[in-house]
Amino acid sequence: MKELSISDSHLDQIEHLLAQSMNGIHLLFDNETIARILKTPTEELELFHMKNLDKIQDLFTTFIQKASFQEKQLYLDTLDSESYEMLLRTYFHIVENSLFTADSIRH
């Protein structure tokens, strides 16, 4: 795996986006696309296998490093359908894990 280089401001921004998504507000992805892609559970795919991890890391790191919401949206618009799906699934995998973690802390 490659070493990540992400600034604190970029981390703060992605944390804000993830927090919004945890509340059901998906600022970067439209609901129809989310539903279409996540209709097939990620667990049924070979998405997070070793052969994809470098690509997923590159996609997500590049996504996080975009300085603004608009730059993130433009980046998403440039992705081919496979890369877009990988990034969306990764993003919502993080959201889901964050929800589970937050829920287990409350209990």
PDB file of N, CA and C in Angstrom:
ATOM      1  N   MET A   1       0.831  -1.177   0.000  1.00  0.00           N
ATOM      2  CA  MET A   1       0.000   0.000   0.000  1.00  0.00           C
ATOM      3  C   MET A   1       0.883   1.251   0.000  1.00  0.00           C
ATOM      4  N   LYS A   2       0.365   2.278  -0.644  1.00  0.00           N
ATOM      5  CA  LYS A   2       1.078   3.542  -0.727  1.00  0.00           C
ATOM      6  C   LYS A   2       0.844   4.354   0.536  1.00  0.00           C
ATOM      7  N   GLU A   3       1.787   5.240   0.809  1.00  0.00           N
ATOM      8  CA  GLU A   3       1.639   6.127   1.965  1.00  0.00           C
ATOM      9  C   GLU A   3       0.665   7.248   1.627  1.00  0.00           C
ATOM     10  N   LEU A   4      -0.220   7.549   2.547  1.00  0.00           N
ATOM     11  CA  LEU A   4      -1.211   8.598   2.341  1.00  0.00           C
ATOM     12  C   LEU A   4      -0.646   9.954   2.739  1.00  0.00           C
ATOM     13  N   SER A   5      -1.015  10.976   1.984  1.00  0.00           N
ATOM     14  CA  SER A   5      -0.639  12.336   2.306  1.00  0.00           C
ATOM     15  C   SER A   5      -1.896  13.201   2.205  1.00  0.00           C
ATOM     16  N   ILE A   6      -2.545  13.392   3.347  1.00  0.00           N
ATOM     17  CA  ILE A   6      -3.816  14.112   3.363  1.00  0.00           C
ATOM     18  C   ILE A   6      -3.739  15.173   4.458  1.00  0.00           C
ATOM     19  N   SER A   7      -4.098  16.390   4.104  1.00  0.00           N
ATOM     20  CA  SER A   7      -4.031  17.489   5.075  1.00  0.00           C
ATOM     21  C   SER A   7      -5.177  17.406   6.075  1.00  0.00           C
ATOM     22  N   ASP A   8      -4.996  18.082   7.199  1.00  0.00           N
ATOM     23  CA  ASP A   8      -6.039  18.117   8.232  1.00  0.00           C
ATOM     24  C   ASP A   8      -7.324  18.755   7.706  1.00  0.00           C
ATOM     25  N   SER A   9      -7.194  19.793   6.878  1.00  0.00           N
ATOM     26  CA  SER A   9      -8.402  20.445   6.355  1.00  0.00           C
ATOM     27  C   SER A   9      -9.180  19.507   5.438  1.00  0.00           C
ATOM     28  N   HIS A  10      -8.472  18.683   4.671  1.00  0.00           N
ATOM     29  CA  HIS A  10      -9.154  17.709   3.818  1.00  0.00           C
ATOM     30  C   HIS A  10      -9.827  16.635   4.663  1.00  0.00           C
ATOM     31  N   LEU A  11      -9.188  16.234   5.732  1.00  0.00           N
ATOM     32  CA  LEU A  11      -9.799  15.252   6.642  1.00  0.00           C
ATOM     33  C   LEU A  11     -11.035  15.827   7.314  1.00  0.00           C
ATOM     34  N   ASP A  12     -10.948  17.088   7.732  1.00  0.00           N
ATOM     35  CA  ASP A  12     -12.116  17.739   8.341  1.00  0.00           C
ATOM     36  C   ASP A  12     -13.281  17.786   7.364  1.00  0.00           C
ATOM     37  N   GLN A  13     -12.982  18.094   6.122  1.00  0.00           N
ATOM     38  CA  GLN A  13     -14.022  18.187   5.103  1.00  0.00           C
ATOM     39  C   GLN A  13     -14.679  16.823   4.855  1.00  0.00           C
ATOM     40  N   ILE A  14     -13.877  15.767   4.739  1.00  0.00           N
ATOM     41  CA  ILE A  14     -14.465  14.440   4.476  1.00  0.00           C
ATOM     42  C   ILE A  14     -15.232  13.968   5.708  1.00  0.00           C
ATOM     43  N   GLU A  15     -14.756  14.300   6.909  1.00  0.00           N
ATOM     44  CA  GLU A  15     -15.500  13.947   8.119  1.00  0.00           C
ATOM     45  C   GLU A  15     -16.865  14.633   8.131  1.00  0.00           C
ATOM     46  N   HIS A  16     -16.911  15.885   7.670  1.00  0.00           N
ATOM     47  CA  HIS A  16     -18.183  16.603   7.586  1.00  0.00           C
ATOM     48  C   HIS A  16     -19.115  15.910   6.587  1.00  0.00           C
ATOM     49  N   LEU A  17     -18.601  15.547   5.424  1.00  0.00           N
ATOM     50  CA  LEU A  17     -19.421  14.863   4.416  1.00  0.00           C
ATOM     51  C   LEU A  17     -19.925  13.517   4.937  1.00  0.00           C
ATOM     52  N   LEU A  18     -19.049  12.775   5.616  1.00  0.00           N
ATOM     53  CA  LEU A  18     -19.456  11.481   6.172  1.00  0.00           C
ATOM     54  C   LEU A  18     -20.511  11.666   7.260  1.00  0.00           C
ATOM     55  N   ALA A  19     -20.345  12.692   8.093  1.00  0.00           N
ATOM     56  CA  ALA A  19     -21.340  12.958   9.143  1.00  0.00           C
ATOM     57  C   ALA A  19     -22.689  13.288   8.526  1.00  0.00           C
ATOM     58  N   GLN A  20     -22.681  14.071   7.458  1.00  0.00           N
ATOM     59  CA  GLN A  20     -23.934  14.379   6.765  1.00  0.00           C
ATOM     60  C   GLN A  20     -24.566  13.104   6.218  1.00  0.00           C
ATOM     61  N   SER A  21     -23.755  12.248   5.621  1.00  0.00           N
ATOM     62  CA  SER A  21     -24.269  10.986   5.082  1.00  0.00           C
ATOM     63  C   SER A  21     -24.804  10.081   6.181  1.00  0.00           C
ATOM     64  N   MET A  22     -24.184  10.117   7.345  1.00  0.00           N
ATOM     65  CA  MET A  22     -24.675   9.318   8.465  1.00  0.00           C
ATOM     66  C   MET A  22     -26.059   9.794   8.899  1.00  0.00           C
ATOM     67  N   ASN A  23     -26.376  11.045   8.578  1.00  0.00           N
ATOM     68  CA  ASN A  23     -27.696  11.602   8.879  1.00  0.00           C
ATOM     69  C   ASN A  23     -28.644  11.508   7.686  1.00  0.00           C
ATOM     70  N   GLY A  24     -28.221  10.792   6.647  1.00  0.00           N
ATOM     71  CA  GLY A  24     -29.076  10.582   5.487  1.00  0.00           C
ATOM     72  C   GLY A  24     -29.021  11.678   4.441  1.00  0.00           C
ATOM     73  N   ILE A  25     -28.090  12.596   4.580  1.00  0.00           N
ATOM     74  CA  ILE A  25     -27.945  13.692   3.615  1.00  0.00           C
ATOM     75  C   ILE A  25     -26.686  13.419   2.796  1.00  0.00           C
ATOM     76  N   HIS A  26     -26.897  13.003   1.557  1.00  0.00           N
ATOM     77  CA  HIS A  26     -25.783  12.618   0.694  1.00  0.00           C
ATOM     78  C   HIS A  26     -25.510  13.741  -0.298  1.00  0.00           C
ATOM     79  N   LEU A  27     -24.558  14.581   0.043  1.00  0.00           N
ATOM     80  CA  LEU A  27     -24.304  15.800  -0.706  1.00  0.00           C
ATOM     81  C   LEU A  27     -23.655  15.562  -2.069  1.00  0.00           C
ATOM     82  N   LEU A  28     -22.880  14.502  -2.205  1.00  0.00           N
ATOM     83  CA  LEU A  28     -22.127  14.291  -3.435  1.00  0.00           C
ATOM     84  C   LEU A  28     -22.739  13.251  -4.370  1.00  0.00           C
ATOM     85  N   PHE A  29     -23.652  12.472  -3.876  1.00  0.00           N
ATOM     86  CA  PHE A  29     -24.216  11.381  -4.666  1.00  0.00           C
ATOM     87  C   PHE A  29     -25.734  11.535  -4.705  1.00  0.00           C
ATOM     88  N   ASP A  30     -26.331  11.340  -5.881  1.00  0.00           N
ATOM     89  CA  ASP A  30     -27.790  11.438  -5.947  1.00  0.00           C
ATOM     90  C   ASP A  30     -28.406  10.104  -5.515  1.00  0.00           C
ATOM     91  N   ASN A  31     -29.585  10.192  -4.932  1.00  0.00           N
ATOM     92  CA  ASN A  31     -30.241   9.020  -4.343  1.00  0.00           C
ATOM     93  C   ASN A  31     -30.518   7.907  -5.346  1.00  0.00           C
ATOM     94  N   GLU A  32     -30.867   8.253  -6.578  1.00  0.00           N
ATOM     95  CA  GLU A  32     -31.140   7.227  -7.588  1.00  0.00           C
ATOM     96  C   GLU A  32     -29.894   6.418  -7.902  1.00  0.00           C
ATOM     97  N   THR A  33     -28.764   7.094  -8.030  1.00  0.00           N
ATOM     98  CA  THR A  33     -27.505   6.402  -8.317  1.00  0.00           C
ATOM     99  C   THR A  33     -27.096   5.536  -7.131  1.00  0.00           C
ATOM    100  N   ILE A  34     -27.241   6.061  -5.930  1.00  0.00           N
ATOM    101  CA  ILE A  34     -26.925   5.280  -4.727  1.00  0.00           C
ATOM    102  C   ILE A  34     -27.765   4.007  -4.707  1.00  0.00           C
ATOM    103  N   ALA A  35     -29.058   4.146  -4.920  1.00  0.00           N
ATOM    104  CA  ALA A  35     -29.967   2.989  -4.883  1.00  0.00           C
ATOM    105  C   ALA A  35     -29.626   1.987  -5.973  1.00  0.00           C
ATOM    106  N   ARG A  36     -29.332   2.478  -7.172  1.00  0.00           N
ATOM    107  CA  ARG A  36     -29.015   1.575  -8.291  1.00  0.00           C
ATOM    108  C   ARG A  36     -27.741   0.783  -8.003  1.00  0.00           C
ATOM    109  N   ILE A  37     -26.723   1.463  -7.525  1.00  0.00           N
ATOM    110  CA  ILE A  37     -25.440   0.793  -7.284  1.00  0.00           C
ATOM    111  C   ILE A  37     -25.521  -0.129  -6.074  1.00  0.00           C
ATOM    112  N   LEU A  38     -26.120   0.356  -4.988  1.00  0.00           N
ATOM    113  CA  LEU A  38     -26.146  -0.445  -3.759  1.00  0.00           C
ATOM    114  C   LEU A  38     -27.261  -1.485  -3.746  1.00  0.00           C
ATOM    115  N   LYS A  39     -28.031  -1.557  -4.831  1.00  0.00           N
ATOM    116  CA  LYS A  39     -29.064  -2.592  -4.947  1.00  0.00           C
ATOM    117  C   LYS A  39     -28.421  -3.978  -4.844  1.00  0.00           C
ATOM    118  N   THR A  40     -27.229  -4.119  -5.408  1.00  0.00           N
ATOM    119  CA  THR A  40     -26.452  -5.345  -5.261  1.00  0.00           C
ATOM    120  C   THR A  40     -25.528  -5.152  -4.068  1.00  0.00           C
ATOM    121  N   PRO A  41     -25.702  -5.941  -3.014  1.00  0.00           N
ATOM    122  CA  PRO A  41     -24.848  -5.766  -1.825  1.00  0.00           C
ATOM    123  C   PRO A  41     -23.359  -5.906  -2.167  1.00  0.00           C
ATOM    124  N   THR A  42     -22.566  -5.042  -1.585  1.00  0.00           N
ATOM    125  CA  THR A  42     -21.124  -5.058  -1.822  1.00  0.00           C
ATOM    126  C   THR A  42     -20.527  -6.407  -1.464  1.00  0.00           C
ATOM    127  N   GLU A  43     -21.086  -7.070  -0.448  1.00  0.00           N
ATOM    128  CA  GLU A  43     -20.558  -8.366  -0.011  1.00  0.00           C
ATOM    129  C   GLU A  43     -20.641  -9.418  -1.117  1.00  0.00           C
ATOM    130  N   GLU A  44     -21.541  -9.243  -2.072  1.00  0.00           N
ATOM    131  CA  GLU A  44     -21.680 -10.200  -3.161  1.00  0.00           C
ATOM    132  C   GLU A  44     -20.660  -9.959  -4.274  1.00  0.00           C
ATOM    133  N   LEU A  45     -19.923  -8.879  -4.176  1.00  0.00           N
ATOM    134  CA  LEU A  45     -18.932  -8.529  -5.189  1.00  0.00           C
ATOM    135  C   LEU A  45     -17.537  -8.787  -4.647  1.00  0.00           C
ATOM    136  N   GLU A  46     -16.564  -8.768  -5.525  1.00  0.00           N
ATOM    137  CA  GLU A  46     -15.173  -8.938  -5.107  1.00  0.00           C
ATOM    138  C   GLU A  46     -14.482  -7.578  -5.001  1.00  0.00           C
ATOM    139  N   LEU A  47     -15.218  -6.598  -4.542  1.00  0.00           N
ATOM    140  CA  LEU A  47     -14.722  -5.227  -4.528  1.00  0.00           C
ATOM    141  C   LEU A  47     -13.498  -5.032  -3.645  1.00  0.00           C
ATOM    142  N   PHE A  48     -13.561  -5.508  -2.418  1.00  0.00           N
ATOM    143  CA  PHE A  48     -12.490  -5.225  -1.464  1.00  0.00           C
ATOM    144  C   PHE A  48     -11.429  -6.330  -1.417  1.00  0.00           C
ATOM    145  N   HIS A  49     -11.235  -7.016  -2.522  1.00  0.00           N
ATOM    146  CA  HIS A  49     -10.177  -8.014  -2.609  1.00  0.00           C
ATOM    147  C   HIS A  49      -8.853  -7.321  -2.901  1.00  0.00           C
ATOM    148  N   MET A  50      -7.780  -8.025  -2.628  1.00  0.00           N
ATOM    149  CA  MET A  50      -6.437  -7.451  -2.745  1.00  0.00           C
ATOM    150  C   MET A  50      -6.180  -6.792  -4.097  1.00  0.00           C
ATOM    151  N   LYS A  51      -6.702  -7.377  -5.158  1.00  0.00           N
ATOM    152  CA  LYS A  51      -6.413  -6.836  -6.495  1.00  0.00           C
ATOM    153  C   LYS A  51      -6.983  -5.426  -6.696  1.00  0.00           C
ATOM    154  N   ASN A  52      -7.981  -5.055  -5.918  1.00  0.00           N
ATOM    155  CA  ASN A  52      -8.619  -3.741  -6.058  1.00  0.00           C
ATOM    156  C   ASN A  52      -8.165  -2.719  -5.030  1.00  0.00           C
ATOM    157  N   LEU A  53      -7.477  -3.147  -3.992  1.00  0.00           N
ATOM    158  CA  LEU A  53      -7.202  -2.239  -2.875  1.00  0.00           C
ATOM    159  C   LEU A  53      -6.369  -1.025  -3.261  1.00  0.00           C
ATOM    160  N   ASP A  54      -5.356  -1.200  -4.103  1.00  0.00           N
ATOM    161  CA  ASP A  54      -4.553  -0.045  -4.516  1.00  0.00           C
ATOM    162  C   ASP A  54      -5.387   0.953  -5.313  1.00  0.00           C
ATOM    163  N   LYS A  55      -6.227   0.440  -6.208  1.00  0.00           N
ATOM    164  CA  LYS A  55      -7.078   1.335  -7.008  1.00  0.00           C
ATOM    165  C   LYS A  55      -8.064   2.073  -6.107  1.00  0.00           C
ATOM    166  N   ILE A  56      -8.667   1.355  -5.169  1.00  0.00           N
ATOM    167  CA  ILE A  56      -9.617   1.985  -4.240  1.00  0.00           C
ATOM    168  C   ILE A  56      -8.913   3.052  -3.415  1.00  0.00           C
ATOM    169  N   GLN A  57      -7.735   2.738  -2.927  1.00  0.00           N
ATOM    170  CA  GLN A  57      -6.983   3.716  -2.129  1.00  0.00           C
ATOM    171  C   GLN A  57      -6.650   4.941  -2.965  1.00  0.00           C
ATOM    172  N   ASP A  58      -6.217   4.738  -4.210  1.00  0.00           N
ATOM    173  CA  ASP A  58      -5.897   5.872  -5.083  1.00  0.00           C
ATOM    174  C   ASP A  58      -7.134   6.726  -5.346  1.00  0.00           C
ATOM    175  N   LEU A  59      -8.253   6.073  -5.656  1.00  0.00           N
ATOM    176  CA  LEU A  59      -9.495   6.800  -5.926  1.00  0.00           C
ATOM    177  C   LEU A  59      -9.923   7.622  -4.710  1.00  0.00           C
ATOM    178  N   PHE A  60      -9.923   6.988  -3.540  1.00  0.00           N
ATOM    179  CA  PHE A  60     -10.408   7.667  -2.342  1.00  0.00           C
ATOM    180  C   PHE A  60      -9.443   8.759  -1.890  1.00  0.00           C
ATOM    181  N   THR A  61      -8.149   8.514  -1.998  1.00  0.00           N
ATOM    182  CA  THR A  61      -7.168   9.526  -1.615  1.00  0.00           C
ATOM    183  C   THR A  61      -7.285  10.748  -2.520  1.00  0.00           C
ATOM    184  N   THR A  62      -7.406  10.522  -3.818  1.00  0.00           N
ATOM    185  CA  THR A  62      -7.562  11.632  -4.750  1.00  0.00           C
ATOM    186  C   THR A  62      -8.844  12.400  -4.444  1.00  0.00           C
ATOM    187  N   PHE A  63      -9.908  11.685  -4.151  1.00  0.00           N
ATOM    188  CA  PHE A  63     -11.189  12.275  -3.791  1.00  0.00           C
ATOM    189  C   PHE A  63     -11.041  13.165  -2.557  1.00  0.00           C
ATOM    190  N   ILE A  64     -10.414  12.660  -1.516  1.00  0.00           N
ATOM    191  CA  ILE A  64     -10.246  13.407  -0.270  1.00  0.00           C
ATOM    192  C   ILE A  64      -9.369  14.636  -0.482  1.00  0.00           C
ATOM    193  N   GLN A  65      -8.359  14.518  -1.331  1.00  0.00           N
ATOM    194  CA  GLN A  65      -7.412  15.618  -1.526  1.00  0.00           C
ATOM    195  C   GLN A  65      -7.985  16.782  -2.321  1.00  0.00           C
ATOM    196  N   LYS A  66      -9.131  16.619  -2.926  1.00  0.00           N
ATOM    197  CA  LYS A  66      -9.748  17.740  -3.634  1.00  0.00           C
ATOM    198  C   LYS A  66     -10.114  18.808  -2.605  1.00  0.00           C
ATOM    199  N   ALA A  67      -9.783  20.049  -2.920  1.00  0.00           N
ATOM    200  CA  ALA A  67      -9.863  21.124  -1.929  1.00  0.00           C
ATOM    201  C   ALA A  67     -11.281  21.562  -1.584  1.00  0.00           C
ATOM    202  N   SER A  68     -12.210  21.388  -2.490  1.00  0.00           N
ATOM    203  CA  SER A  68     -13.553  21.893  -2.229  1.00  0.00           C
ATOM    204  C   SER A  68     -14.603  20.853  -2.609  1.00  0.00           C
ATOM    205  N   PHE A  69     -15.809  21.134  -2.164  1.00  0.00           N
ATOM    206  CA  PHE A  69     -16.950  20.304  -2.527  1.00  0.00           C
ATOM    207  C   PHE A  69     -17.081  20.238  -4.052  1.00  0.00           C
ATOM    208  N   GLN A  70     -16.954  21.387  -4.722  1.00  0.00           N
ATOM    209  CA  GLN A  70     -17.087  21.453  -6.171  1.00  0.00           C
ATOM    210  C   GLN A  70     -16.007  20.633  -6.867  1.00  0.00           C
ATOM    211  N   GLU A  71     -14.782  20.690  -6.364  1.00  0.00           N
ATOM    212  CA  GLU A  71     -13.702  19.902  -6.953  1.00  0.00           C
ATOM    213  C   GLU A  71     -13.958  18.408  -6.772  1.00  0.00           C
ATOM    214  N   LYS A  72     -14.502  18.033  -5.626  1.00  0.00           N
ATOM    215  CA  LYS A  72     -14.860  16.628  -5.399  1.00  0.00           C
ATOM    216  C   LYS A  72     -15.936  16.193  -6.388  1.00  0.00           C
ATOM    217  N   GLN A  73     -16.933  17.050  -6.594  1.00  0.00           N
ATOM    218  CA  GLN A  73     -18.011  16.738  -7.536  1.00  0.00           C
ATOM    219  C   GLN A  73     -17.464  16.619  -8.959  1.00  0.00           C
ATOM    220  N   LEU A  74     -16.588  17.525  -9.363  1.00  0.00           N
ATOM    221  CA  LEU A  74     -15.976  17.456 -10.695  1.00  0.00           C
ATOM    222  C   LEU A  74     -15.160  16.175 -10.855  1.00  0.00           C
ATOM    223  N   TYR A  75     -14.440  15.793  -9.804  1.00  0.00           N
ATOM    224  CA  TYR A  75     -13.671  14.551  -9.845  1.00  0.00           C
ATOM    225  C   TYR A  75     -14.602  13.360 -10.056  1.00  0.00           C
ATOM    226  N   LEU A  76     -15.691  13.313  -9.318  1.00  0.00           N
ATOM    227  CA  LEU A  76     -16.658  12.224  -9.491  1.00  0.00           C
ATOM    228  C   LEU A  76     -17.173  12.183 -10.926  1.00  0.00           C
ATOM    229  N   ASP A  77     -17.406  13.345 -11.507  1.00  0.00           N
ATOM    230  CA  ASP A  77     -17.923  13.424 -12.871  1.00  0.00           C
ATOM    231  C   ASP A  77     -16.937  12.920 -13.913  1.00  0.00           C
ATOM    232  N   THR A  78     -15.639  12.891 -13.574  1.00  0.00           N
ATOM    233  CA  THR A  78     -14.636  12.433 -14.538  1.00  0.00           C
ATOM    234  C   THR A  78     -14.396  10.929 -14.496  1.00  0.00           C
ATOM    235  N   LEU A  79     -14.924  10.258 -13.464  1.00  0.00           N
ATOM    236  CA  LEU A  79     -14.646   8.830 -13.293  1.00  0.00           C
ATOM    237  C   LEU A  79     -15.449   7.972 -14.265  1.00  0.00           C
ATOM    238  N   ASP A  80     -14.820   6.891 -14.728  1.00  0.00           N
ATOM    239  CA  ASP A  80     -15.572   5.915 -15.507  1.00  0.00           C
ATOM    240  C   ASP A  80     -16.524   5.195 -14.557  1.00  0.00           C
ATOM    241  N   SER A  81     -17.488   4.471 -15.102  1.00  0.00           N
ATOM    242  CA  SER A  81     -18.543   3.879 -14.270  1.00  0.00           C
ATOM    243  C   SER A  81     -17.995   2.891 -13.238  1.00  0.00           C
ATOM    244  N   GLU A  82     -16.977   2.119 -13.582  1.00  0.00           N
ATOM    245  CA  GLU A  82     -16.403   1.161 -12.632  1.00  0.00           C
ATOM    246  C   GLU A  82     -15.729   1.882 -11.466  1.00  0.00           C
ATOM    247  N   SER A  83     -14.944   2.907 -11.774  1.00  0.00           N
ATOM    248  CA  SER A  83     -14.253   3.668 -10.724  1.00  0.00           C
ATOM    249  C   SER A  83     -15.255   4.416  -9.851  1.00  0.00           C
ATOM    250  N   TYR A  84     -16.288   4.988 -10.478  1.00  0.00           N
ATOM    251  CA  TYR A  84     -17.324   5.688  -9.727  1.00  0.00           C
ATOM    252  C   TYR A  84     -18.001   4.732  -8.747  1.00  0.00           C
ATOM    253  N   GLU A  85     -18.340   3.539  -9.224  1.00  0.00           N
ATOM    254  CA  GLU A  85     -18.982   2.559  -8.348  1.00  0.00           C
ATOM    255  C   GLU A  85     -18.049   2.156  -7.216  1.00  0.00           C
ATOM    256  N   MET A  86     -16.770   1.943  -7.521  1.00  0.00           N
ATOM    257  CA  MET A  86     -15.805   1.582  -6.470  1.00  0.00           C
ATOM    258  C   MET A  86     -15.747   2.668  -5.404  1.00  0.00           C
ATOM    259  N   LEU A  87     -15.688   3.918  -5.847  1.00  0.00           N
ATOM    260  CA  LEU A  87     -15.588   5.028  -4.905  1.00  0.00           C
ATOM    261  C   LEU A  87     -16.867   5.170  -4.091  1.00  0.00           C
ATOM    262  N   LEU A  88     -18.013   5.084  -4.740  1.00  0.00           N
ATOM    263  CA  LEU A  88     -19.285   5.190  -4.028  1.00  0.00           C
ATOM    264  C   LEU A  88     -19.424   4.068  -3.000  1.00  0.00           C
ATOM    265  N   ARG A  89     -19.110   2.850  -3.400  1.00  0.00           N
ATOM    266  CA  ARG A  89     -19.213   1.716  -2.471  1.00  0.00           C
ATOM    267  C   ARG A  89     -18.236   1.870  -1.301  1.00  0.00           C
ATOM    268  N   THR A  90     -17.042   2.356  -1.581  1.00  0.00           N
ATOM    269  CA  THR A  90     -16.060   2.587  -0.520  1.00  0.00           C
ATOM    270  C   THR A  90     -16.564   3.657   0.441  1.00  0.00           C
ATOM    271  N   TYR A  91     -17.067   4.750  -0.104  1.00  0.00           N
ATOM    272  CA  TYR A  91     -17.604   5.847   0.703  1.00  0.00           C
ATOM    273  C   TYR A  91     -18.716   5.331   1.618  1.00  0.00           C
ATOM    274  N   PHE A  92     -19.668   4.587   1.071  1.00  0.00           N
ATOM    275  CA  PHE A  92     -20.777   4.111   1.887  1.00  0.00           C
ATOM    276  C   PHE A  92     -20.371   2.961   2.812  1.00  0.00           C
ATOM    277  N   HIS A  93     -19.315   2.259   2.483  1.00  0.00           N
ATOM    278  CA  HIS A  93     -18.763   1.259   3.397  1.00  0.00           C
ATOM    279  C   HIS A  93     -18.225   1.967   4.648  1.00  0.00           C
ATOM    280  N   ILE A  94     -17.559   3.098   4.431  1.00  0.00           N
ATOM    281  CA  ILE A  94     -17.044   3.893   5.550  1.00  0.00           C
ATOM    282  C   ILE A  94     -18.200   4.469   6.362  1.00  0.00           C
ATOM    283  N   VAL A  95     -19.216   4.979   5.674  1.00  0.00           N
ATOM    284  CA  VAL A  95     -20.397   5.512   6.374  1.00  0.00           C
ATOM    285  C   VAL A  95     -21.035   4.422   7.225  1.00  0.00           C
ATOM    286  N   GLU A  96     -21.237   3.252   6.639  1.00  0.00           N
ATOM    287  CA  GLU A  96     -21.866   2.145   7.363  1.00  0.00           C
ATOM    288  C   GLU A  96     -21.046   1.737   8.580  1.00  0.00           C
ATOM    289  N   ASN A  97     -19.734   1.608   8.411  1.00  0.00           N
ATOM    290  CA  ASN A  97     -18.880   1.238   9.539  1.00  0.00           C
ATOM    291  C   ASN A  97     -18.880   2.319  10.618  1.00  0.00           C
ATOM    292  N   SER A  98     -18.948   3.570  10.196  1.00  0.00           N
ATOM    293  CA  SER A  98     -19.010   4.671  11.163  1.00  0.00           C
ATOM    294  C   SER A  98     -20.304   4.610  11.964  1.00  0.00           C
ATOM    295  N   LEU A  99     -21.399   4.283  11.291  1.00  0.00           N
ATOM    296  CA  LEU A  99     -22.688   4.152  11.982  1.00  0.00           C
ATOM    297  C   LEU A  99     -22.649   3.013  12.997  1.00  0.00           C
ATOM    298  N   PHE A 100     -22.072   1.881  12.598  1.00  0.00           N
ATOM    299  CA  PHE A 100     -21.974   0.741  13.511  1.00  0.00           C
ATOM    300  C   PHE A 100     -21.096   1.084  14.707  1.00  0.00           C
ATOM    301  N   THR A 101     -20.009   1.780  14.456  1.00  0.00           N
ATOM    302  CA  THR A 101     -19.093   2.175  15.528  1.00  0.00           C
ATOM    303  C   THR A 101     -19.783   3.147  16.465  1.00  0.00           C
ATOM    304  N   ALA A 102     -20.463   4.138  15.924  1.00  0.00           N
ATOM    305  CA  ALA A 102     -21.175   5.114  16.755  1.00  0.00           C
ATOM    306  C   ALA A 102     -22.268   4.444  17.558  1.00  0.00           C
ATOM    307  N   ASP A 103     -22.976   3.488  16.953  1.00  0.00           N
ATOM    308  CA  ASP A 103     -24.046   2.788  17.636  1.00  0.00           C
ATOM    309  C   ASP A 103     -23.496   1.929  18.777  1.00  0.00           C
ATOM    310  N   SER A 104     -22.364   1.269  18.549  1.00  0.00           N
ATOM    311  CA  SER A 104     -21.810   0.401  19.601  1.00  0.00           C
ATOM    312  C   SER A 104     -21.255   1.228  20.751  1.00  0.00           C
ATOM    313  N   ILE A 105     -20.835   2.456  20.492  1.00  0.00           N
ATOM    314  CA  ILE A 105     -20.332   3.329  21.557  1.00  0.00           C
ATOM    315  C   ILE A 105     -21.478   3.769  22.461  1.00  0.00           C
ATOM    316  N   ARG A 106     -22.669   3.984  21.875  1.00  0.00           N
ATOM    317  CA  ARG A 106     -23.817   4.428  22.651  1.00  0.00           C
ATOM    318  C   ARG A 106     -24.360   3.322  23.546  1.00  0.00           C
ATOM    319  N   HIS A 107     -24.113   2.072  23.197  1.00  0.00           N
ATOM    320  CA  HIS A 107     -24.705   0.970  23.953  1.00  0.00           C
ATOM    321  C   HIS A 107     -23.773   0.393  24.970  1.00  0.00           C
TER     322      HIS A 107
END
